[in-house]
Amino acid sequence: MPVDQPANKYPVQVGFSASTRKFPHAVDRNRVKRLTRECWRLQKQELYDALSGQSKQLALFFIYTDKKIAPYATLHHKISVILKKLEKEVVAQ
């Protein structure tokens, strides 16, 4: 979701979620969120660079919907696909 007025110095605000219904144990929910946050941390710079020339800010929220915990490599790839789509959207605006 684009935000017109930057609320802080960071160009993107991000949230992560995993369903209690699909992961009844907090350990599993925390692992999923930890893995997705790490994937985001390692790849966020490309999106930051695309937003650097603009005075816009994005608010993102990742919701993990699978019933099993995916391997790190799969999550890393999926986050990169999402970020590439977002970069195209940002550049097109």
PDB file of N, CA and C in Angstrom:
ATOM      1  N   MET A   1       0.846  -1.160   0.000  1.00  0.00           N
ATOM      2  CA  MET A   1       0.000   0.000   0.000  1.00  0.00           C
ATOM      3  C   MET A   1       0.903   1.238   0.000  1.00  0.00           C
ATOM      4  N   PRO A   2       0.727   2.131  -0.946  1.00  0.00           N
ATOM      5  CA  PRO A   2       1.538   3.354  -0.944  1.00  0.00           C
ATOM      6  C   PRO A   2       1.058   4.332   0.120  1.00  0.00           C
ATOM      7  N   VAL A   3       1.993   5.015   0.729  1.00  0.00           N
ATOM      8  CA  VAL A   3       1.699   6.022   1.733  1.00  0.00           C
ATOM      9  C   VAL A   3       2.281   7.340   1.217  1.00  0.00           C
ATOM     10  N   ASP A   4       1.469   8.371   1.116  1.00  0.00           N
ATOM     11  CA  ASP A   4       1.922   9.635   0.530  1.00  0.00           C
ATOM     12  C   ASP A   4       2.893  10.404   1.420  1.00  0.00           C
ATOM     13  N   GLN A   5       2.571  10.530   2.679  1.00  0.00           N
ATOM     14  CA  GLN A   5       3.408  11.281   3.593  1.00  0.00           C
ATOM     15  C   GLN A   5       4.356  10.346   4.338  1.00  0.00           C
ATOM     16  N   PRO A   6       5.649  10.423   4.074  1.00  0.00           N
ATOM     17  CA  PRO A   6       6.581   9.561   4.815  1.00  0.00           C
ATOM     18  C   PRO A   6       6.508   9.823   6.314  1.00  0.00           C
ATOM     19  N   ALA A   7       6.236   8.779   7.069  1.00  0.00           N
ATOM     20  CA  ALA A   7       6.103   8.908   8.516  1.00  0.00           C
ATOM     21  C   ALA A   7       7.457   8.855   9.222  1.00  0.00           C
ATOM     22  N   ASN A   8       8.433   8.212   8.605  1.00  0.00           N
ATOM     23  CA  ASN A   8       9.758   8.123   9.219  1.00  0.00           C
ATOM     24  C   ASN A   8      10.812   8.060   8.126  1.00  0.00           C
ATOM     25  N   LYS A   9      12.051   7.858   8.516  1.00  0.00           N
ATOM     26  CA  LYS A   9      13.142   7.895   7.546  1.00  0.00           C
ATOM     27  C   LYS A   9      13.243   6.634   6.690  1.00  0.00           C
ATOM     28  N   TYR A  10      12.541   5.569   7.058  1.00  0.00           N
ATOM     29  CA  TYR A  10      12.608   4.332   6.293  1.00  0.00           C
ATOM     30  C   TYR A  10      11.567   4.346   5.181  1.00  0.00           C
ATOM     31  N   PRO A  11      11.936   3.976   3.956  1.00  0.00           N
ATOM     32  CA  PRO A  11      10.983   4.042   2.842  1.00  0.00           C
ATOM     33  C   PRO A  11       9.923   2.948   2.871  1.00  0.00           C
ATOM     34  N   VAL A  12      10.147   1.871   3.631  1.00  0.00           N
ATOM     35  CA  VAL A  12       9.191   0.761   3.651  1.00  0.00           C
ATOM     36  C   VAL A  12       8.970   0.309   5.098  1.00  0.00           C
ATOM     37  N   GLN A  13       7.687   0.172   5.464  1.00  0.00           N
ATOM     38  CA  GLN A  13       7.331  -0.415   6.746  1.00  0.00           C
ATOM     39  C   GLN A  13       6.824  -1.819   6.460  1.00  0.00           C
ATOM     40  N   VAL A  14       7.288  -2.806   7.215  1.00  0.00           N
ATOM     41  CA  VAL A  14       6.975  -4.199   6.913  1.00  0.00           C
ATOM     42  C   VAL A  14       6.451  -4.914   8.152  1.00  0.00           C
ATOM     43  N   GLY A  15       5.472  -5.806   7.921  1.00  0.00           N
ATOM     44  CA  GLY A  15       4.951  -6.660   8.975  1.00  0.00           C
ATOM     45  C   GLY A  15       4.898  -8.102   8.491  1.00  0.00           C
ATOM     46  N   PHE A  16       4.946  -9.032   9.421  1.00  0.00           N
ATOM     47  CA  PHE A  16       4.935 -10.457   9.079  1.00  0.00           C
ATOM     48  C   PHE A  16       3.918 -11.168   9.952  1.00  0.00           C
ATOM     49  N   SER A  17       3.231 -12.166   9.371  1.00  0.00           N
ATOM     50  CA  SER A  17       2.218 -12.900  10.117  1.00  0.00           C
ATOM     51  C   SER A  17       2.186 -14.358   9.687  1.00  0.00           C
ATOM     52  N   ALA A  18       1.850 -15.224  10.627  1.00  0.00           N
ATOM     53  CA  ALA A  18       1.613 -16.648  10.369  1.00  0.00           C
ATOM     54  C   ALA A  18       0.383 -17.037  11.179  1.00  0.00           C
ATOM     55  N   SER A  19      -0.520 -17.788  10.579  1.00  0.00           N
ATOM     56  CA  SER A  19      -1.803 -18.114  11.175  1.00  0.00           C
ATOM     57  C   SER A  19      -1.680 -19.077  12.353  1.00  0.00           C
ATOM     58  N   THR A  20      -2.421 -18.777  13.405  1.00  0.00           N
ATOM     59  CA  THR A  20      -2.470 -19.666  14.566  1.00  0.00           C
ATOM     60  C   THR A  20      -3.195 -20.957  14.211  1.00  0.00           C
ATOM     61  N   ARG A  21      -4.145 -20.853  13.308  1.00  0.00           N
ATOM     62  CA  ARG A  21      -4.901 -22.046  12.907  1.00  0.00           C
ATOM     63  C   ARG A  21      -4.008 -23.033  12.142  1.00  0.00           C
ATOM     64  N   LYS A  22      -3.129 -22.527  11.286  1.00  0.00           N
ATOM     65  CA  LYS A  22      -2.267 -23.414  10.500  1.00  0.00           C
ATOM     66  C   LYS A  22      -1.027 -23.846  11.272  1.00  0.00           C
ATOM     67  N   PHE A  23      -0.596 -23.020  12.222  1.00  0.00           N
ATOM     68  CA  PHE A  23       0.556 -23.347  13.063  1.00  0.00           C
ATOM     69  C   PHE A  23       0.152 -23.169  14.524  1.00  0.00           C
ATOM     70  N   PRO A  24      -0.430 -24.201  15.129  1.00  0.00           N
ATOM     71  CA  PRO A  24      -0.915 -24.047  16.504  1.00  0.00           C
ATOM     72  C   PRO A  24       0.191 -23.847  17.538  1.00  0.00           C
ATOM     73  N   HIS A  25       1.405 -24.243  17.214  1.00  0.00           N
ATOM     74  CA  HIS A  25       2.516 -24.089  18.153  1.00  0.00           C
ATOM     75  C   HIS A  25       3.252 -22.781  17.864  1.00  0.00           C
ATOM     76  N   ALA A  26       3.454 -21.992  18.892  1.00  0.00           N
ATOM     77  CA  ALA A  26       4.118 -20.697  18.738  1.00  0.00           C
ATOM     78  C   ALA A  26       5.532 -20.847  18.180  1.00  0.00           C
ATOM     79  N   VAL A  27       6.189 -21.942  18.484  1.00  0.00           N
ATOM     80  CA  VAL A  27       7.541 -22.188  17.984  1.00  0.00           C
ATOM     81  C   VAL A  27       7.542 -22.196  16.452  1.00  0.00           C
ATOM     82  N   ASP A  28       6.541 -22.847  15.868  1.00  0.00           N
ATOM     83  CA  ASP A  28       6.461 -22.920  14.407  1.00  0.00           C
ATOM     84  C   ASP A  28       6.129 -21.556  13.800  1.00  0.00           C
ATOM     85  N   ARG A  29       5.198 -20.833  14.403  1.00  0.00           N
ATOM     86  CA  ARG A  29       4.850 -19.494  13.906  1.00  0.00           C
ATOM     87  C   ARG A  29       6.054 -18.575  13.964  1.00  0.00           C
ATOM     88  N   ASN A  30       6.773 -18.626  15.058  1.00  0.00           N
ATOM     89  CA  ASN A  30       7.953 -17.779  15.207  1.00  0.00           C
ATOM     90  C   ASN A  30       9.036 -18.141  14.199  1.00  0.00           C
ATOM     91  N   ARG A  31       9.202 -19.414  13.923  1.00  0.00           N
ATOM     92  CA  ARG A  31      10.202 -19.844  12.927  1.00  0.00           C
ATOM     93  C   ARG A  31       9.861 -19.318  11.546  1.00  0.00           C
ATOM     94  N   VAL A  32       8.594 -19.433  11.160  1.00  0.00           N
ATOM     95  CA  VAL A  32       8.168 -18.934   9.852  1.00  0.00           C
ATOM     96  C   VAL A  32       8.422 -17.434   9.753  1.00  0.00           C
ATOM     97  N   LYS A  33       8.035 -16.705  10.779  1.00  0.00           N
ATOM     98  CA  LYS A  33       8.237 -15.254  10.751  1.00  0.00           C
ATOM     99  C   LYS A  33       9.723 -14.898  10.762  1.00  0.00           C
ATOM    100  N   ARG A  34      10.515 -15.642  11.506  1.00  0.00           N
ATOM    101  CA  ARG A  34      11.957 -15.390  11.552  1.00  0.00           C
ATOM    102  C   ARG A  34      12.590 -15.615  10.183  1.00  0.00           C
ATOM    103  N   LEU A  35      12.202 -16.701   9.512  1.00  0.00           N
ATOM    104  CA  LEU A  35      12.747 -16.993   8.184  1.00  0.00           C
ATOM    105  C   LEU A  35      12.354 -15.921   7.166  1.00  0.00           C
ATOM    106  N   THR A  36      11.088 -15.514   7.176  1.00  0.00           N
ATOM    107  CA  THR A  36      10.646 -14.497   6.208  1.00  0.00           C
ATOM    108  C   THR A  36      11.285 -13.141   6.505  1.00  0.00           C
ATOM    109  N   ARG A  37      11.456 -12.804   7.766  1.00  0.00           N
ATOM    110  CA  ARG A  37      12.132 -11.541   8.101  1.00  0.00           C
ATOM    111  C   ARG A  37      13.576 -11.552   7.616  1.00  0.00           C
ATOM    112  N   GLU A  38      14.247 -12.688   7.746  1.00  0.00           N
ATOM    113  CA  GLU A  38      15.635 -12.785   7.281  1.00  0.00           C
ATOM    114  C   GLU A  38      15.707 -12.660   5.764  1.00  0.00           C
ATOM    115  N   CYS A  39      14.787 -13.294   5.060  1.00  0.00           N
ATOM    116  CA  CYS A  39      14.738 -13.162   3.596  1.00  0.00           C
ATOM    117  C   CYS A  39      14.511 -11.707   3.196  1.00  0.00           C
ATOM    118  N   TRP A  40      13.621 -11.030   3.904  1.00  0.00           N
ATOM    119  CA  TRP A  40      13.349  -9.624   3.645  1.00  0.00           C
ATOM    120  C   TRP A  40      14.604  -8.779   3.917  1.00  0.00           C
ATOM    121  N   ARG A  41      15.252  -9.021   5.033  1.00  0.00           N
ATOM    122  CA  ARG A  41      16.423  -8.234   5.424  1.00  0.00           C
ATOM    123  C   ARG A  41      17.524  -8.290   4.386  1.00  0.00           C
ATOM    124  N   LEU A  42      17.729  -9.476   3.812  1.00  0.00           N
ATOM    125  CA  LEU A  42      18.808  -9.648   2.847  1.00  0.00           C
ATOM    126  C   LEU A  42      18.486  -9.067   1.474  1.00  0.00           C
ATOM    127  N   GLN A  43      17.212  -8.833   1.175  1.00  0.00           N
ATOM    128  CA  GLN A  43      16.837  -8.404  -0.174  1.00  0.00           C
ATOM    129  C   GLN A  43      16.170  -7.037  -0.239  1.00  0.00           C
ATOM    130  N   LYS A  44      15.968  -6.381   0.876  1.00  0.00           N
ATOM    131  CA  LYS A  44      15.210  -5.135   0.895  1.00  0.00           C
ATOM    132  C   LYS A  44      15.916  -3.972   0.200  1.00  0.00           C
ATOM    133  N   GLN A  45      17.224  -4.030   0.084  1.00  0.00           N
ATOM    134  CA  GLN A  45      17.977  -2.905  -0.469  1.00  0.00           C
ATOM    135  C   GLN A  45      17.574  -2.595  -1.907  1.00  0.00           C
ATOM    136  N   GLU A  46      17.237  -3.601  -2.693  1.00  0.00           N
ATOM    137  CA  GLU A  46      16.822  -3.367  -4.083  1.00  0.00           C
ATOM    138  C   GLU A  46      15.556  -2.523  -4.132  1.00  0.00           C
ATOM    139  N   LEU A  47      14.597  -2.813  -3.264  1.00  0.00           N
ATOM    140  CA  LEU A  47      13.368  -2.033  -3.204  1.00  0.00           C
ATOM    141  C   LEU A  47      13.656  -0.638  -2.665  1.00  0.00           C
ATOM    142  N   TYR A  48      14.527  -0.528  -1.683  1.00  0.00           N
ATOM    143  CA  TYR A  48      14.905   0.782  -1.149  1.00  0.00           C
ATOM    144  C   TYR A  48      15.530   1.639  -2.250  1.00  0.00           C
ATOM    145  N   ASP A  49      16.376   1.027  -3.088  1.00  0.00           N
ATOM    146  CA  ASP A  49      17.009   1.766  -4.177  1.00  0.00           C
ATOM    147  C   ASP A  49      15.972   2.254  -5.182  1.00  0.00           C
ATOM    148  N   ALA A  50      14.957   1.450  -5.463  1.00  0.00           N
ATOM    149  CA  ALA A  50      13.905   1.855  -6.399  1.00  0.00           C
ATOM    150  C   ALA A  50      13.080   3.006  -5.826  1.00  0.00           C
ATOM    151  N   LEU A  51      12.943   3.072  -4.521  1.00  0.00           N
ATOM    152  CA  LEU A  51      12.170   4.132  -3.874  1.00  0.00           C
ATOM    153  C   LEU A  51      12.998   5.372  -3.554  1.00  0.00           C
ATOM    154  N   SER A  52      14.308   5.307  -3.718  1.00  0.00           N
ATOM    155  CA  SER A  52      15.184   6.381  -3.255  1.00  0.00           C
ATOM    156  C   SER A  52      14.909   7.712  -3.955  1.00  0.00           C
ATOM    157  N   GLY A  53      14.561   7.722  -5.231  1.00  0.00           N
ATOM    158  CA  GLY A  53      14.320   8.965  -5.955  1.00  0.00           C
ATOM    159  C   GLY A  53      12.934   9.536  -5.747  1.00  0.00           C
ATOM    160  N   GLN A  54      12.076   8.797  -5.078  1.00  0.00           N
ATOM    161  CA  GLN A  54      10.705   9.236  -4.890  1.00  0.00           C
ATOM    162  C   GLN A  54      10.467   9.589  -3.428  1.00  0.00           C
ATOM    163  N   SER A  55       9.458  10.414  -3.198  1.00  0.00           N
ATOM    164  CA  SER A  55       9.142  10.796  -1.816  1.00  0.00           C
ATOM    165  C   SER A  55       7.964   9.991  -1.292  1.00  0.00           C
ATOM    166  N   LYS A  56       7.871   8.747  -1.720  1.00  0.00           N
ATOM    167  CA  LYS A  56       6.786   7.882  -1.278  1.00  0.00           C
ATOM    168  C   LYS A  56       7.308   6.860  -0.282  1.00  0.00           C
ATOM    169  N   GLN A  57       6.364   6.317   0.440  1.00  0.00           N
ATOM    170  CA  GLN A  57       6.678   5.275   1.403  1.00  0.00           C
ATOM    171  C   GLN A  57       5.682   4.137   1.189  1.00  0.00           C
ATOM    172  N   LEU A  58       6.130   2.905   1.374  1.00  0.00           N
ATOM    173  CA  LEU A  58       5.261   1.742   1.231  1.00  0.00           C
ATOM    174  C   LEU A  58       5.023   1.097   2.587  1.00  0.00           C
ATOM    175  N   ALA A  59       3.832   0.525   2.724  1.00  0.00           N
ATOM    176  CA  ALA A  59       3.513  -0.286   3.898  1.00  0.00           C
ATOM    177  C   ALA A  59       3.203  -1.683   3.387  1.00  0.00           C
ATOM    178  N   LEU A  60       4.010  -2.660   3.784  1.00  0.00           N
ATOM    179  CA  LEU A  60       3.854  -4.042   3.335  1.00  0.00           C
ATOM    180  C   LEU A  60       3.505  -4.933   4.522  1.00  0.00           C
ATOM    181  N   PHE A  61       2.729  -5.974   4.229  1.00  0.00           N
ATOM    182  CA  PHE A  61       2.424  -6.963   5.261  1.00  0.00           C
ATOM    183  C   PHE A  61       2.449  -8.333   4.607  1.00  0.00           C
ATOM    184  N   PHE A  62       3.378  -9.181   5.025  1.00  0.00           N
ATOM    185  CA  PHE A  62       3.511 -10.528   4.486  1.00  0.00           C
ATOM    186  C   PHE A  62       2.719 -11.490   5.368  1.00  0.00           C
ATOM    187  N   ILE A  63       1.814 -12.249   4.752  1.00  0.00           N
ATOM    188  CA  ILE A  63       1.023 -13.246   5.474  1.00  0.00           C
ATOM    189  C   ILE A  63       1.397 -14.615   4.931  1.00  0.00           C
ATOM    190  N   TYR A  64       1.923 -15.464   5.781  1.00  0.00           N
ATOM    191  CA  TYR A  64       2.328 -16.813   5.385  1.00  0.00           C
ATOM    192  C   TYR A  64       1.096 -17.705   5.423  1.00  0.00           C
ATOM    193  N   THR A  65       0.727 -18.299   4.269  1.00  0.00           N
ATOM    194  CA  THR A  65      -0.526 -19.048   4.176  1.00  0.00           C
ATOM    195  C   THR A  65      -0.357 -20.546   3.966  1.00  0.00           C
ATOM    196  N   ASP A  66       0.855 -21.035   3.790  1.00  0.00           N
ATOM    197  CA  ASP A  66       1.061 -22.461   3.589  1.00  0.00           C
ATOM    198  C   ASP A  66       0.872 -23.211   4.906  1.00  0.00           C
ATOM    199  N   LYS A  67       0.597 -24.513   4.819  1.00  0.00           N
ATOM    200  CA  LYS A  67       0.389 -25.313   6.028  1.00  0.00           C
ATOM    201  C   LYS A  67       1.677 -25.912   6.569  1.00  0.00           C
ATOM    202  N   LYS A  68       2.742 -25.865   5.767  1.00  0.00           N
ATOM    203  CA  LYS A  68       4.034 -26.409   6.181  1.00  0.00           C
ATOM    204  C   LYS A  68       5.086 -25.306   6.140  1.00  0.00           C
ATOM    205  N   ILE A  69       6.116 -25.491   6.926  1.00  0.00           N
ATOM    206  CA  ILE A  69       7.217 -24.534   6.913  1.00  0.00           C
ATOM    207  C   ILE A  69       8.092 -24.831   5.702  1.00  0.00           C
ATOM    208  N   ALA A  70       8.183 -23.862   4.806  1.00  0.00           N
ATOM    209  CA  ALA A  70       8.978 -24.031   3.588  1.00  0.00           C
ATOM    210  C   ALA A  70      10.461 -23.894   3.916  1.00  0.00           C
ATOM    211  N   PRO A  71      11.312 -24.536   3.122  1.00  0.00           N
ATOM    212  CA  PRO A  71      12.755 -24.363   3.323  1.00  0.00           C
ATOM    213  C   PRO A  71      13.172 -22.915   3.050  1.00  0.00           C
ATOM    214  N   TYR A  72      14.276 -22.526   3.644  1.00  0.00           N
ATOM    215  CA  TYR A  72      14.767 -21.159   3.501  1.00  0.00           C
ATOM    216  C   TYR A  72      14.962 -20.777   2.034  1.00  0.00           C
ATOM    217  N   ALA A  73      15.503 -21.667   1.227  1.00  0.00           N
ATOM    218  CA  ALA A  73      15.766 -21.359  -0.184  1.00  0.00           C
ATOM    219  C   ALA A  73      14.474 -21.017  -0.926  1.00  0.00           C
ATOM    220  N   THR A  74      13.409 -21.734  -0.631  1.00  0.00           N
ATOM    221  CA  THR A  74      12.119 -21.459  -1.268  1.00  0.00           C
ATOM    222  C   THR A  74      11.590 -20.094  -0.844  1.00  0.00           C
ATOM    223  N   LEU A  75      11.655 -19.810   0.441  1.00  0.00           N
ATOM    224  CA  LEU A  75      11.195 -18.512   0.926  1.00  0.00           C
ATOM    225  C   LEU A  75      12.008 -17.369   0.329  1.00  0.00           C
ATOM    226  N   HIS A  76      13.309 -17.561   0.244  1.00  0.00           N
ATOM    227  CA  HIS A  76      14.188 -16.540  -0.326  1.00  0.00           C
ATOM    228  C   HIS A  76      13.783 -16.240  -1.773  1.00  0.00           C
ATOM    229  N   HIS A  77      13.522 -17.285  -2.544  1.00  0.00           N
ATOM    230  CA  HIS A  77      13.115 -17.109  -3.941  1.00  0.00           C
ATOM    231  C   HIS A  77      11.772 -16.400  -4.036  1.00  0.00           C
ATOM    232  N   LYS A  78      10.802 -16.804  -3.231  1.00  0.00           N
ATOM    233  CA  LYS A  78       9.462 -16.211  -3.290  1.00  0.00           C
ATOM    234  C   LYS A  78       9.480 -14.737  -2.879  1.00  0.00           C
ATOM    235  N   ILE A  79      10.256 -14.405  -1.869  1.00  0.00           N
ATOM    236  CA  ILE A  79      10.368 -12.998  -1.458  1.00  0.00           C
ATOM    237  C   ILE A  79      11.012 -12.184  -2.571  1.00  0.00           C
ATOM    238  N   SER A  80      12.010 -12.750  -3.251  1.00  0.00           N
ATOM    239  CA  SER A  80      12.646 -12.011  -4.351  1.00  0.00           C
ATOM    240  C   SER A  80      11.662 -11.775  -5.494  1.00  0.00           C
ATOM    241  N   VAL A  81      10.792 -12.742  -5.783  1.00  0.00           N
ATOM    242  CA  VAL A  81       9.772 -12.560  -6.824  1.00  0.00           C
ATOM    243  C   VAL A  81       8.822 -11.431  -6.426  1.00  0.00           C
ATOM    244  N   ILE A  82       8.391 -11.429  -5.183  1.00  0.00           N
ATOM    245  CA  ILE A  82       7.485 -10.377  -4.701  1.00  0.00           C
ATOM    246  C   ILE A  82       8.153  -9.007  -4.801  1.00  0.00           C
ATOM    247  N   LEU A  83       9.399  -8.922  -4.398  1.00  0.00           N
ATOM    248  CA  LEU A  83      10.093  -7.635  -4.419  1.00  0.00           C
ATOM    249  C   LEU A  83      10.327  -7.137  -5.839  1.00  0.00           C
ATOM    250  N   LYS A  84      10.587  -8.035  -6.772  1.00  0.00           N
ATOM    251  CA  LYS A  84      10.743  -7.612  -8.170  1.00  0.00           C
ATOM    252  C   LYS A  84       9.436  -7.054  -8.722  1.00  0.00           C
ATOM    253  N   LYS A  85       8.313  -7.669  -8.368  1.00  0.00           N
ATOM    254  CA  LYS A  85       7.010  -7.151  -8.803  1.00  0.00           C
ATOM    255  C   LYS A  85       6.751  -5.774  -8.188  1.00  0.00           C
ATOM    256  N   LEU A  86       7.104  -5.616  -6.925  1.00  0.00           N
ATOM    257  CA  LEU A  86       6.922  -4.321  -6.274  1.00  0.00           C
ATOM    258  C   LEU A  86       7.803  -3.246  -6.912  1.00  0.00           C
ATOM    259  N   GLU A  87       9.032  -3.604  -7.255  1.00  0.00           N
ATOM    260  CA  GLU A  87       9.923  -2.647  -7.918  1.00  0.00           C
ATOM    261  C   GLU A  87       9.332  -2.171  -9.230  1.00  0.00           C
ATOM    262  N   LYS A  88       8.763  -3.089 -10.014  1.00  0.00           N
ATOM    263  CA  LYS A  88       8.134  -2.702 -11.278  1.00  0.00           C
ATOM    264  C   LYS A  88       6.967  -1.761 -11.050  1.00  0.00           C
ATOM    265  N   GLU A  89       6.183  -2.020 -10.013  1.00  0.00           N
ATOM    266  CA  GLU A  89       5.043  -1.157  -9.669  1.00  0.00           C
ATOM    267  C   GLU A  89       5.530   0.232  -9.276  1.00  0.00           C
ATOM    268  N   VAL A  90       6.583   0.287  -8.471  1.00  0.00           N
ATOM    269  CA  VAL A  90       7.102   1.568  -7.987  1.00  0.00           C
ATOM    270  C   VAL A  90       7.674   2.380  -9.139  1.00  0.00           C
ATOM    271  N   VAL A  91       8.408   1.735 -10.021  1.00  0.00           N
ATOM    272  CA  VAL A  91       9.012   2.428 -11.158  1.00  0.00           C
ATOM    273  C   VAL A  91       7.932   2.917 -12.128  1.00  0.00           C
ATOM    274  N   ALA A  92       6.860   2.147 -12.291  1.00  0.00           N
ATOM    275  CA  ALA A  92       5.792   2.504 -13.210  1.00  0.00           C
ATOM    276  C   ALA A  92       4.980   3.703 -12.726  1.00  0.00           C
ATOM    277  N   GLN A  93       4.967   3.964 -11.422  1.00  0.00           N
ATOM    278  CA  GLN A  93       4.152   5.069 -10.896  1.00  0.00           C
ATOM    279  C   GLN A  93       4.778   6.382 -11.112  1.00  0.00           C
TER     280      GLN A  93
END
